[in-house]
Amino acid sequence: MSSIEKCPPLLPQQNGAAPASATRTGPNKTWWLVLCSCLFAWCLFYQSPSSFQQSLDRFYFNITDPTNICSSPKGPASAPKRSFFWFFEAENDAEKAPIILTIGGGPGTSGLINPLLAQGPCLAAKNGTVPNPNRWTEHFNLLALDHPVGAGASYGTLVNNSRDAAIDVYDFLQKFFVIYPHLIGNQFVLSGGSYGGMYIPHIATVIHEQNIALAAGKGQPGAVHINLESMMLSNPLSVSVVGFRRKDAISHFGWILQHRCYNVPDMYNTTTCAELFQVLPTCLEAIQLAQQQSAPEPRVAAMNLCGPLVLGDRHGTVLEDVRKKCNSKDQLDCLPPSFGWVKQFFQRQDIKHSLGIPDFVDFQEIAINVNIEFSKYGDVIQPAYLLYEPLLKDGIRLLHYIGAQDANCAWPGIISFLRLLQSPFQEEFLRAPDVPWPTADSEDATIRVVGDGAGNMTYILVQQAGHFVAHDQPELVKSIVEHWVRNVAFDSNPNP
């Protein structure tokens, strides 16, 4: 048995959370892709410095500087998992600039979509890439990660739940900071959306727990403190039921149904709404019962009961942007064309060669096998938003910027679970007004801020955006991100 096999895991698994063991297989689809389609069960181990270095050498066996494309360092991970990332250095003062870790949704959506869709120095175009005038990388380091393993260009043994996937991220980051030691201590920000509403609170929790363990002298030998400062979420999914008879606690499924029936014209008709509202009480009760147990079977049962609520006939209305119509049977055809361009970009042999993506990796924007594993575990049926409460209490800031035209992860459900958060900021958040965005065009967005500067807990509703807020309103979102990361009041200049 190797030294790695002998080592105990850094963190315990959840009760009943046997990790999945699978590789890229099967194109079977589940209702999860409709629910929120935007979109390492391998733990950390105690190792000697020499064995850790050997593991590290395998982890980053192929770091290169890709040429003739959007040039930045990148690299895959070691067997049995290879976790692919693309790192974009800030144009200004990169060694001191904050690091934004950006991941996809899904579950199974590639995190590499984000830089080429809105965040990075280049945007996907029909025949390659074009410069991005609203790039986040002007002032911030951007670390795009294909998370979890199996998504995008990552491959290897899969996990089946957000907690184990978060442990993989912590492992990845520790190795990342060995390669980039000059970035240790830089402000660190987590960014995600859609199913990132499940991922981000778990990733933040694992990082924060391990930071506390390190401070107490109990952390992983050789690990470094990660300067986690804040989290940014756009149109996240969160399934919460805190007393299913409370109107303000039904969150995603209940609010999605109400939103599609009453707020969005020409989506669900009267007959569909009447039928689905009869299903809602059973769905909510099943979620509540499932969240009281550790086994996956009740979660899967609840997921199957609630699935019909999001599968009603939409009459061509696009879930991700209700201002649009699309009748294609392939939901990806209804997304912005840049999604297709991203897929074409990463499937090009010259691009794969430059980035070090093996020929056998068939890059897909949404990895169905990852989706299936998380579905079989019932990962979506969890109140992940509750993980924000201790994080907020310990000073880690939380931003939600939400596209109002999204009927997939819609704003009524998001503001619902934010109101439920029991944190030092809850009472003030409930009382705080939604004030207009401080520009000449007050219809751009409204802001609810609690705390100094950009806030400790902030909610921004962007009127002219759908599920993909940064894609729909790139200039506005860049301003939001710059104010948030620098913690500067939104009526001030974030880059004096």
Protein backbone atom coordinates (compact mmCIF):
# COMPACT_ATOMS: atom_id res chain seq x y z
CA MET A 1 0.00 0.00 0.00
CA SER A 2 1.34 3.42 -0.93
CA SER A 3 1.95 6.19 1.58
CA ILE A 4 -1.08 7.96 0.19
CA GLU A 5 -3.33 4.95 0.67
CA LYS A 6 -2.22 4.67 4.30
CA CYS A 7 -3.04 8.27 5.13
CA PRO A 8 -6.30 9.25 6.85
CA PRO A 9 -8.56 11.78 5.10
CA LEU A 10 -8.30 15.36 6.22
CA LEU A 11 -12.07 15.73 6.51
CA PRO A 12 -14.74 13.14 7.31
CA GLN A 13 -17.34 12.19 4.74
CA GLN A 14 -20.96 13.06 5.34
CA ASN A 15 -23.08 10.32 6.85
CA GLY A 16 -24.43 8.17 4.06
CA ALA A 17 -22.31 10.01 1.55
CA ALA A 18 -20.45 7.17 -0.07
CA PRO A 19 -18.48 8.80 -2.84
CA ALA A 20 -19.30 7.88 -6.38
CA SER A 21 -16.67 6.09 -8.41
CA ALA A 22 -17.21 6.66 -12.08
CA THR A 23 -15.63 7.92 -15.23
CA ARG A 24 -17.04 9.79 -18.22
CA THR A 25 -19.90 7.58 -19.41
CA GLY A 26 -23.42 7.57 -20.73
CA PRO A 27 -25.41 10.40 -22.31
CA ASN A 28 -28.48 9.82 -20.12
CA LYS A 29 -30.19 13.10 -19.27
CA THR A 30 -32.05 14.02 -16.09
CA TRP A 31 -34.45 16.79 -15.23
CA TRP A 32 -31.55 18.58 -13.49
CA LEU A 33 -30.43 20.05 -16.79
CA VAL A 34 -33.80 21.74 -17.06
CA LEU A 35 -33.89 22.67 -13.38
CA CYS A 36 -30.72 24.74 -13.56
CA SER A 37 -28.86 24.13 -16.81
CA CYS A 38 -26.80 27.29 -17.19
CA LEU A 39 -24.90 26.33 -17.06
CA PHE A 40 -12.08 15.07 -5.89
CA ALA A 41 -14.02 12.29 -3.68
CA TRP A 42 -10.19 12.21 -3.31
CA CYS A 43 -9.37 13.88 0.02
CA LEU A 44 -6.32 15.66 1.37
CA PHE A 45 -3.89 13.40 3.17
CA TYR A 46 -1.10 13.70 5.71
CA GLN A 47 2.09 13.23 3.75
CA SER A 48 5.82 13.67 4.19
CA PRO A 49 7.32 16.63 2.30
CA SER A 50 8.91 14.26 -0.22
CA SER A 51 5.71 12.35 -0.97
CA PHE A 52 3.80 15.62 -1.19
CA GLN A 53 6.30 16.93 -3.75
CA GLN A 54 6.01 13.73 -5.78
CA SER A 55 2.24 14.14 -5.78
CA LEU A 56 2.65 17.76 -6.77
CA ASP A 57 4.93 16.87 -9.67
CA ARG A 58 2.24 14.56 -11.03
CA PHE A 59 -0.46 17.11 -10.34
CA TYR A 60 1.11 19.70 -12.61
CA PHE A 61 2.92 17.61 -15.17
CA ASN A 62 2.08 19.86 -18.10
CA ILE A 63 2.21 23.56 -17.22
CA THR A 64 2.93 25.55 -20.35
CA ASP A 65 2.34 29.04 -21.63
CA PRO A 66 -0.15 28.64 -24.49
CA THR A 67 0.66 30.78 -27.49
CA ASN A 68 -1.45 32.38 -30.18
CA ILE A 69 -4.55 32.19 -27.98
CA CYS A 70 -5.58 33.98 -24.80
CA SER A 71 -2.18 33.45 -23.17
CA SER A 72 -2.09 32.50 -19.48
CA PRO A 73 -0.69 29.60 -17.45
CA LYS A 74 -2.85 26.50 -16.98
CA GLY A 75 -2.51 22.92 -15.91
CA PRO A 76 -4.21 19.61 -15.12
CA ALA A 77 -4.08 17.50 -11.95
CA SER A 78 -2.56 14.13 -11.14
CA ALA A 79 -4.06 10.66 -11.35
CA PRO A 80 -6.60 9.45 -10.50
CA LYS A 81 -8.05 12.92 -11.14
CA ARG A 82 -6.99 15.74 -13.36
CA SER A 83 -8.58 19.01 -12.39
CA PHE A 84 -8.15 21.50 -15.22
CA PHE A 85 -7.73 25.23 -14.71
CA TRP A 86 -6.84 28.30 -16.72
CA PHE A 87 -5.22 31.16 -14.83
CA PHE A 88 -5.46 34.71 -16.18
CA GLU A 89 -3.08 37.16 -14.51
CA ALA A 90 -4.26 40.68 -13.74
CA GLU A 91 -2.99 43.35 -16.10
CA ASN A 92 -2.20 45.66 -13.20
CA ASP A 93 -0.06 44.65 -10.21
CA ALA A 94 -0.79 40.94 -10.63
CA GLU A 95 1.41 39.86 -7.71
CA LYS A 96 -0.76 41.82 -5.26
CA ALA A 97 -4.09 41.67 -7.08
CA PRO A 98 -7.04 39.74 -5.60
CA ILE A 99 -7.72 36.27 -6.98
CA ILE A 100 -11.22 35.43 -8.18
CA LEU A 101 -11.92 31.70 -8.43
CA THR A 102 -14.69 31.18 -11.00
CA ILE A 103 -16.55 27.88 -11.45
CA GLY A 104 -19.47 26.64 -13.51
CA GLY A 105 -22.92 25.46 -12.49
CA GLY A 106 -24.84 22.45 -13.73
CA PRO A 107 -23.83 20.28 -11.94
CA GLY A 108 -21.28 19.47 -14.61
CA THR A 109 -20.98 22.81 -16.41
CA SER A 110 -17.45 23.81 -17.35
CA GLY A 111 -15.91 26.72 -15.45
CA LEU A 112 -13.93 27.59 -18.57
CA ILE A 113 -17.11 29.00 -20.07
CA ASN A 114 -17.05 31.97 -17.70
CA PRO A 115 -13.84 33.66 -18.93
CA LEU A 116 -14.82 33.31 -22.59
CA LEU A 117 -18.42 34.35 -21.98
CA ALA A 118 -17.82 37.53 -19.97
CA GLN A 119 -15.02 37.55 -17.39
CA GLY A 120 -11.69 36.99 -19.12
CA PRO A 121 -9.48 39.04 -21.44
CA CYS A 122 -10.96 37.30 -24.52
CA LEU A 123 -14.52 36.54 -25.56
CA ALA A 124 -15.60 33.56 -27.62
CA ALA A 125 -16.43 34.51 -31.19
CA LYS A 126 -17.62 32.61 -34.24
CA ASN A 127 -14.09 32.02 -35.51
CA GLY A 128 -12.04 32.11 -32.31
CA THR A 129 -11.79 34.92 -29.76
CA VAL A 130 -11.97 38.71 -29.66
CA PRO A 131 -10.73 41.18 -27.00
CA ASN A 132 -13.08 41.78 -24.07
CA PRO A 133 -13.48 45.48 -23.17
CA ASN A 134 -15.24 44.54 -19.91
CA ARG A 135 -12.73 41.96 -18.68
CA TRP A 136 -12.44 41.39 -14.95
CA THR A 137 -8.72 40.74 -15.44
CA GLU A 138 -7.87 44.40 -15.81
CA HIS A 139 -7.42 44.60 -12.03
CA PHE A 140 -7.97 41.04 -10.75
CA ASN A 141 -6.37 37.63 -11.19
CA LEU A 142 -8.94 35.19 -12.59
CA LEU A 143 -8.66 31.46 -11.86
CA ALA A 144 -11.13 29.43 -13.93
CA LEU A 145 -11.56 25.87 -12.66
CA ASP A 146 -13.41 22.98 -14.27
CA HIS A 147 -15.26 21.80 -11.17
CA PRO A 148 -16.09 19.16 -10.13
CA VAL A 149 -13.83 16.54 -11.69
CA GLY A 150 -15.49 15.36 -14.88
CA ALA A 151 -16.64 18.83 -15.92
CA GLY A 152 -15.09 20.47 -18.98
CA ALA A 153 -11.47 19.35 -19.42
CA SER A 154 -11.21 17.78 -15.95
CA TYR A 155 -11.35 14.01 -15.86
CA GLY A 156 -10.93 11.03 -13.55
CA THR A 157 -12.79 9.53 -10.61
CA LEU A 158 -16.00 11.45 -9.97
CA VAL A 159 -17.60 12.56 -6.74
CA ASN A 160 -21.34 12.80 -6.22
CA ASN A 161 -21.89 15.66 -3.78
CA SER A 162 -20.97 19.27 -3.19
CA ARG A 163 -19.10 18.66 0.08
CA ASP A 164 -16.66 16.13 -1.38
CA ALA A 165 -16.25 18.31 -4.44
CA ALA A 166 -15.38 21.24 -2.15
CA ILE A 167 -12.64 19.17 -0.50
CA ASP A 168 -11.21 18.61 -3.96
CA VAL A 169 -11.13 22.36 -4.52
CA TYR A 170 -9.22 22.89 -1.28
CA ASP A 171 -6.71 20.24 -2.35
CA PHE A 172 -6.38 21.90 -5.74
CA LEU A 173 -5.82 25.34 -4.22
CA GLN A 174 -3.09 24.09 -1.90
CA LYS A 175 -1.21 22.75 -4.91
CA PHE A 176 -1.93 25.91 -6.86
CA PHE A 177 -0.30 28.02 -4.17
CA VAL A 178 2.78 25.80 -4.18
CA ILE A 179 3.18 26.62 -7.86
CA TYR A 180 2.34 30.30 -7.31
CA PRO A 181 3.75 31.02 -3.82
CA HIS A 182 3.92 34.77 -4.52
CA LEU A 183 0.11 34.81 -4.51
CA ILE A 184 -0.23 33.31 -1.03
CA GLY A 185 -2.00 35.86 1.14
CA ASN A 186 -3.67 37.67 -1.73
CA GLN A 187 -7.33 38.45 -1.20
CA PHE A 188 -9.36 35.45 -2.39
CA VAL A 189 -12.90 35.67 -3.74
CA LEU A 190 -15.23 32.84 -4.77
CA SER A 191 -17.49 33.40 -7.78
CA GLY A 192 -20.25 31.19 -9.15
CA GLY A 193 -23.85 31.02 -10.26
CA SER A 194 -26.75 28.67 -10.89
CA TYR A 195 -25.69 25.34 -9.29
CA GLY A 196 -22.83 27.38 -7.84
CA GLY A 197 -25.44 28.16 -5.19
CA MET A 198 -24.69 24.64 -3.93
CA TYR A 199 -20.96 24.63 -4.68
CA ILE A 200 -19.86 28.02 -3.33
CA PRO A 201 -21.12 27.75 0.28
CA HIS A 202 -19.50 24.31 0.57
CA ILE A 203 -16.19 25.49 -0.91
CA ALA A 204 -16.17 28.53 1.37
CA THR A 205 -16.98 26.35 4.38
CA VAL A 206 -14.16 23.87 3.71
CA ILE A 207 -11.65 26.69 3.18
CA HIS A 208 -12.79 28.47 6.34
CA GLU A 209 -12.77 25.28 8.44
CA GLN A 210 -9.26 24.45 7.30
CA ASN A 211 -8.06 28.00 7.94
CA ILE A 212 -9.34 27.65 11.51
CA ALA A 213 -7.64 24.26 11.85
CA LEU A 214 -4.35 25.68 10.59
CA ALA A 215 -4.55 28.56 13.08
CA ALA A 216 -5.02 25.99 15.86
CA GLY A 217 -2.05 23.95 14.67
CA LYS A 218 -4.27 21.09 13.49
CA GLY A 219 -4.37 21.68 9.76
CA GLN A 220 -2.86 19.73 6.90
CA PRO A 221 0.96 19.74 7.20
CA GLY A 222 2.36 22.06 4.59
CA ALA A 223 -0.99 23.69 3.86
CA VAL A 224 -1.25 27.47 3.70
CA HIS A 225 -3.93 29.85 4.90
CA ILE A 226 -6.23 30.92 2.06
CA ASN A 227 -7.25 34.54 2.48
CA LEU A 228 -10.94 33.98 1.75
CA GLU A 229 -12.53 37.44 1.88
CA SER A 230 -15.88 37.18 0.12
CA MET A 231 -18.28 35.31 -2.16
CA MET A 232 -20.10 36.48 -5.30
CA LEU A 233 -23.19 34.64 -6.57
CA SER A 234 -25.28 35.28 -9.66
CA ASN A 235 -28.73 33.68 -9.93
CA PRO A 236 -27.86 30.75 -7.63
CA LEU A 237 -29.96 27.69 -6.97
CA SER A 238 -30.92 26.96 -3.37
CA VAL A 239 -33.53 24.44 -2.28
CA SER A 240 -34.68 25.30 1.23
CA VAL A 241 -37.71 24.31 3.24
CA VAL A 242 -37.71 25.58 6.81
CA GLY A 243 -41.22 24.59 7.83
CA PHE A 244 -42.87 23.83 4.49
CA ARG A 245 -46.14 25.58 5.37
CA ARG A 246 -44.40 28.96 5.63
CA LYS A 247 -44.83 30.95 2.46
CA ASP A 248 -41.44 32.63 2.84
CA ALA A 249 -39.63 29.31 3.26
CA ILE A 250 -40.63 27.40 0.14
CA SER A 251 -37.78 28.97 -1.80
CA HIS A 252 -36.82 27.49 -5.15
CA PHE A 253 -39.66 25.17 -6.16
CA GLY A 254 -42.52 27.19 -4.71
CA TRP A 255 -41.20 30.54 -5.85
CA ILE A 256 -40.31 29.19 -9.29
CA LEU A 257 -43.88 27.99 -9.73
CA GLN A 258 -45.37 31.28 -8.55
CA HIS A 259 -42.95 33.25 -10.71
CA ARG A 260 -43.75 31.28 -13.86
CA CYS A 261 -47.50 31.36 -13.23
CA TYR A 262 -47.97 34.97 -12.11
CA ASN A 263 -44.92 37.07 -13.02
CA VAL A 264 -44.01 35.81 -16.50
CA PRO A 265 -46.62 36.31 -19.23
CA ASP A 266 -47.30 33.43 -21.61
CA MET A 267 -45.23 30.82 -19.80
CA TYR A 268 -47.31 28.36 -17.76
CA ASN A 269 -50.99 28.54 -18.67
CA THR A 270 -53.88 28.31 -16.21
CA THR A 271 -54.31 24.56 -16.60
CA THR A 272 -50.61 23.85 -16.05
CA CYS A 273 -50.49 26.08 -12.98
CA ALA A 274 -53.56 24.46 -11.45
CA GLU A 275 -52.08 20.99 -11.92
CA LEU A 276 -48.65 21.89 -10.57
CA PHE A 277 -49.89 23.76 -7.51
CA GLN A 278 -51.56 20.50 -6.47
CA VAL A 279 -48.12 18.84 -6.53
CA LEU A 280 -46.38 21.60 -4.55
CA PRO A 281 -47.39 20.62 -0.96
CA THR A 282 -46.24 17.02 -1.48
CA CYS A 283 -42.98 18.28 -2.98
CA LEU A 284 -42.27 20.61 -0.07
CA GLU A 285 -43.08 17.99 2.55
CA ALA A 286 -40.82 15.48 0.81
CA ILE A 287 -37.96 17.99 0.82
CA GLN A 288 -38.41 18.71 4.50
CA LEU A 289 -38.41 15.01 5.37
CA ALA A 290 -35.38 14.33 3.17
CA GLN A 291 -33.37 17.11 4.77
CA GLN A 292 -33.90 15.48 8.17
CA GLN A 293 -32.12 12.30 7.02
CA SER A 294 -28.61 11.51 5.82
CA ALA A 295 -29.40 8.74 3.33
CA PRO A 296 -29.63 9.73 -0.34
CA GLU A 297 -32.83 7.80 -1.11
CA PRO A 298 -35.25 10.32 0.47
CA ARG A 299 -33.49 13.15 -1.35
CA VAL A 300 -33.81 11.38 -4.68
CA ALA A 301 -37.47 10.67 -3.97
CA ALA A 302 -38.07 14.34 -3.18
CA MET A 303 -36.23 15.36 -6.32
CA ASN A 304 -38.44 13.10 -8.42
CA LEU A 305 -41.59 14.43 -6.76
CA CYS A 306 -40.59 18.05 -7.32
CA GLY A 307 -39.25 17.61 -10.83
CA PRO A 308 -42.60 18.13 -12.60
CA LEU A 309 -42.85 21.63 -11.11
CA VAL A 310 -40.06 22.83 -13.36
CA LEU A 311 -41.03 20.77 -16.42
CA GLY A 312 -44.33 22.40 -17.33
CA ASP A 313 -45.02 23.50 -20.90
CA ARG A 314 -43.32 26.89 -21.27
CA HIS A 315 -44.86 27.65 -24.68
CA GLY A 316 -41.48 28.54 -26.11
CA THR A 317 -40.42 30.95 -23.37
CA VAL A 318 -36.69 30.66 -22.66
CA LEU A 319 -36.14 29.89 -18.98
CA GLU A 320 -32.82 31.71 -18.81
CA ASP A 321 -34.28 34.90 -20.31
CA VAL A 322 -38.06 35.21 -20.38
CA ARG A 323 -37.85 38.02 -22.93
CA LYS A 324 -36.89 35.43 -25.56
CA LYS A 325 -38.70 32.61 -27.36
CA CYS A 326 -37.21 29.33 -28.59
CA ASN A 327 -38.93 26.09 -29.58
CA SER A 328 -35.87 23.90 -30.11
CA LYS A 329 -35.90 20.52 -28.37
CA ASP A 330 -32.21 20.98 -27.56
CA GLN A 331 -32.11 23.49 -24.74
CA LEU A 332 -28.55 24.53 -25.60
CA ASP A 333 -29.89 25.88 -28.89
CA CYS A 334 -31.86 28.41 -26.85
CA LEU A 335 -28.78 29.81 -25.11
CA PRO A 336 -26.66 32.68 -26.49
CA PRO A 337 -24.57 31.62 -29.54
CA SER A 338 -21.37 32.25 -27.59
CA PHE A 339 -22.03 28.98 -25.71
CA GLY A 340 -21.69 27.09 -28.96
CA TRP A 341 -18.58 29.06 -29.86
CA VAL A 342 -16.98 28.15 -26.52
CA LYS A 343 -17.60 24.47 -27.21
CA GLN A 344 -16.11 24.78 -30.70
CA PHE A 345 -13.11 26.65 -29.30
CA PHE A 346 -12.21 23.97 -26.75
CA GLN A 347 -12.82 21.12 -29.19
CA ARG A 348 -10.30 22.48 -31.69
CA GLN A 349 -7.19 20.30 -31.81
CA ASP A 350 -4.80 23.26 -31.90
CA ILE A 351 -6.42 24.77 -28.81
CA LYS A 352 -6.41 21.44 -26.96
CA HIS A 353 -2.75 20.97 -27.83
CA SER A 354 -1.80 24.48 -26.68
CA LEU A 355 -3.66 24.07 -23.39
CA GLY A 356 -2.44 20.53 -22.76
CA ILE A 357 -5.91 18.95 -22.97
CA PRO A 358 -5.48 15.27 -23.93
CA ASP A 359 -6.92 14.20 -27.26
CA PHE A 360 -9.22 11.68 -25.59
CA VAL A 361 -10.98 14.40 -23.57
CA ASP A 362 -14.15 15.36 -25.41
CA PHE A 363 -14.84 18.82 -24.03
CA GLN A 364 -18.54 19.30 -23.27
CA GLU A 365 -20.08 22.40 -21.76
CA ILE A 366 -22.30 20.21 -19.59
CA ALA A 367 -20.95 16.82 -18.47
CA ILE A 368 -23.94 14.49 -18.26
CA ASN A 369 -22.03 11.89 -16.23
CA VAL A 370 -21.32 14.44 -13.48
CA ASN A 371 -24.95 15.48 -13.54
CA ILE A 372 -26.10 11.88 -13.18
CA GLU A 373 -23.83 11.17 -10.19
CA PHE A 374 -25.05 14.25 -8.31
CA SER A 375 -28.62 13.35 -9.24
CA LYS A 376 -28.32 9.80 -7.88
CA TYR A 377 -27.07 11.27 -4.60
CA GLY A 378 -29.87 13.86 -4.45
CA ASP A 379 -27.32 16.61 -3.87
CA VAL A 380 -29.73 19.35 -4.90
CA ILE A 381 -32.08 18.59 -1.99
CA GLN A 382 -30.10 20.39 0.70
CA PRO A 383 -30.36 23.78 2.44
CA ALA A 384 -26.84 24.80 1.37
CA TYR A 385 -27.69 28.45 2.03
CA LEU A 386 -27.51 27.74 5.78
CA LEU A 387 -23.73 27.41 5.40
CA TYR A 388 -23.60 31.16 4.80
CA GLU A 389 -24.66 31.91 8.38
CA PRO A 390 -21.37 31.06 10.18
CA LEU A 391 -19.37 32.49 7.29
CA LEU A 392 -21.13 35.84 7.56
CA LYS A 393 -20.72 35.77 11.33
CA ASP A 394 -16.96 35.33 10.89
CA GLY A 395 -16.69 38.30 8.53
CA ILE A 396 -16.71 36.66 5.09
CA ARG A 397 -18.81 38.94 2.89
CA LEU A 398 -21.63 37.78 0.62
CA LEU A 399 -22.87 39.35 -2.64
CA HIS A 400 -25.80 38.26 -4.79
CA TYR A 401 -26.25 40.00 -8.13
CA ILE A 402 -29.35 38.69 -9.86
CA GLY A 403 -30.80 38.94 -13.36
CA ALA A 404 -34.49 39.78 -13.07
CA GLN A 405 -35.43 38.10 -16.37
CA ASP A 406 -34.42 34.60 -15.26
CA ALA A 407 -37.15 32.01 -14.68
CA ASN A 408 -34.66 29.21 -14.03
CA CYS A 409 -33.15 30.39 -10.74
CA ALA A 410 -35.51 33.31 -10.29
CA TRP A 411 -35.10 36.31 -8.01
CA PRO A 412 -38.17 35.68 -5.75
CA GLY A 413 -36.67 32.43 -4.46
CA ILE A 414 -33.25 34.00 -3.98
CA ILE A 415 -34.45 36.97 -1.93
CA SER A 416 -36.59 34.46 0.00
CA PHE A 417 -33.66 32.43 1.33
CA LEU A 418 -31.56 35.56 1.90
CA ARG A 419 -34.28 36.87 4.20
CA LEU A 420 -34.13 33.60 6.13
CA LEU A 421 -30.39 33.79 6.85
CA GLN A 422 -29.84 34.16 10.59
CA SER A 423 -26.73 36.28 10.68
CA PRO A 424 -25.57 39.47 12.41
CA PHE A 425 -26.99 41.29 9.38
CA GLN A 426 -30.45 39.71 9.16
CA GLU A 427 -32.51 42.41 10.87
CA GLU A 428 -30.81 45.21 8.99
CA PHE A 429 -31.12 43.30 5.70
CA LEU A 430 -34.86 42.91 6.22
CA ARG A 431 -35.23 46.64 6.86
CA ALA A 432 -32.83 47.91 4.20
CA PRO A 433 -34.34 49.61 1.14
CA ASP A 434 -33.59 48.68 -2.45
CA VAL A 435 -32.06 51.87 -3.85
CA PRO A 436 -31.43 52.65 -7.53
CA TRP A 437 -28.05 51.98 -9.06
CA PRO A 438 -26.12 55.27 -8.83
CA THR A 439 -26.02 56.16 -12.53
CA ALA A 440 -28.05 58.39 -14.78
CA ASP A 441 -30.15 55.38 -15.78
CA SER A 442 -31.76 54.34 -12.50
CA GLU A 443 -33.49 51.39 -14.21
CA ASP A 444 -30.19 49.51 -14.53
CA ALA A 445 -30.40 47.88 -11.12
CA THR A 446 -31.40 48.25 -7.49
CA ILE A 447 -29.06 47.67 -4.55
CA ARG A 448 -29.66 46.53 -0.98
CA VAL A 449 -26.49 46.97 1.10
CA VAL A 450 -25.85 46.02 4.72
CA GLY A 451 -22.45 47.03 6.08
CA ASP A 452 -19.74 49.51 5.20
CA GLY A 453 -18.35 50.00 1.71
CA ALA A 454 -19.90 47.55 -0.74
CA GLY A 455 -21.44 45.74 2.23
CA ASN A 456 -21.14 42.56 4.26
CA MET A 457 -24.38 41.24 2.80
CA THR A 458 -25.50 42.79 -0.48
CA TYR A 459 -28.29 42.05 -2.95
CA ILE A 460 -28.38 43.61 -6.43
CA LEU A 461 -31.27 43.07 -8.84
CA VAL A 462 -30.28 43.74 -12.46
CA GLN A 463 -33.39 44.49 -14.47
CA GLN A 464 -32.15 43.94 -18.02
CA ALA A 465 -30.44 40.60 -17.46
CA GLY A 466 -31.41 36.96 -17.35
CA HIS A 467 -29.66 33.91 -15.93
CA PHE A 468 -26.29 34.89 -17.39
CA VAL A 469 -25.98 38.33 -15.84
CA ALA A 470 -22.37 39.06 -16.79
CA HIS A 471 -23.08 38.09 -20.39
CA ASP A 472 -26.22 40.23 -20.60
CA GLN A 473 -24.85 43.30 -18.80
CA PRO A 474 -21.03 43.02 -18.96
CA GLU A 475 -20.19 46.68 -18.29
CA LEU A 476 -22.52 46.92 -15.31
CA VAL A 477 -21.33 43.62 -13.84
CA LYS A 478 -17.69 44.62 -14.20
CA SER A 479 -18.48 47.73 -12.17
CA ILE A 480 -20.33 45.65 -9.57
CA VAL A 481 -17.37 43.25 -9.27
CA GLU A 482 -14.80 46.04 -8.99
CA HIS A 483 -16.77 47.79 -6.26
CA TRP A 484 -17.38 44.53 -4.42
CA VAL A 485 -13.87 43.10 -4.48
CA ARG A 486 -12.35 46.43 -3.42
CA ASN A 487 -15.18 46.87 -0.87
CA VAL A 488 -15.93 50.38 -2.10
CA ALA A 489 -19.36 52.00 -1.84
CA PHE A 490 -21.26 51.72 -5.11
CA ASP A 491 -21.52 55.49 -5.49
CA SER A 492 -17.71 55.82 -5.34
CA ASN A 493 -14.92 55.16 -7.84
CA PRO A 494 -13.49 51.66 -7.27
CA ASN A 495 -10.32 52.43 -9.24
CA PRO A 496 -9.15 55.92 -8.18
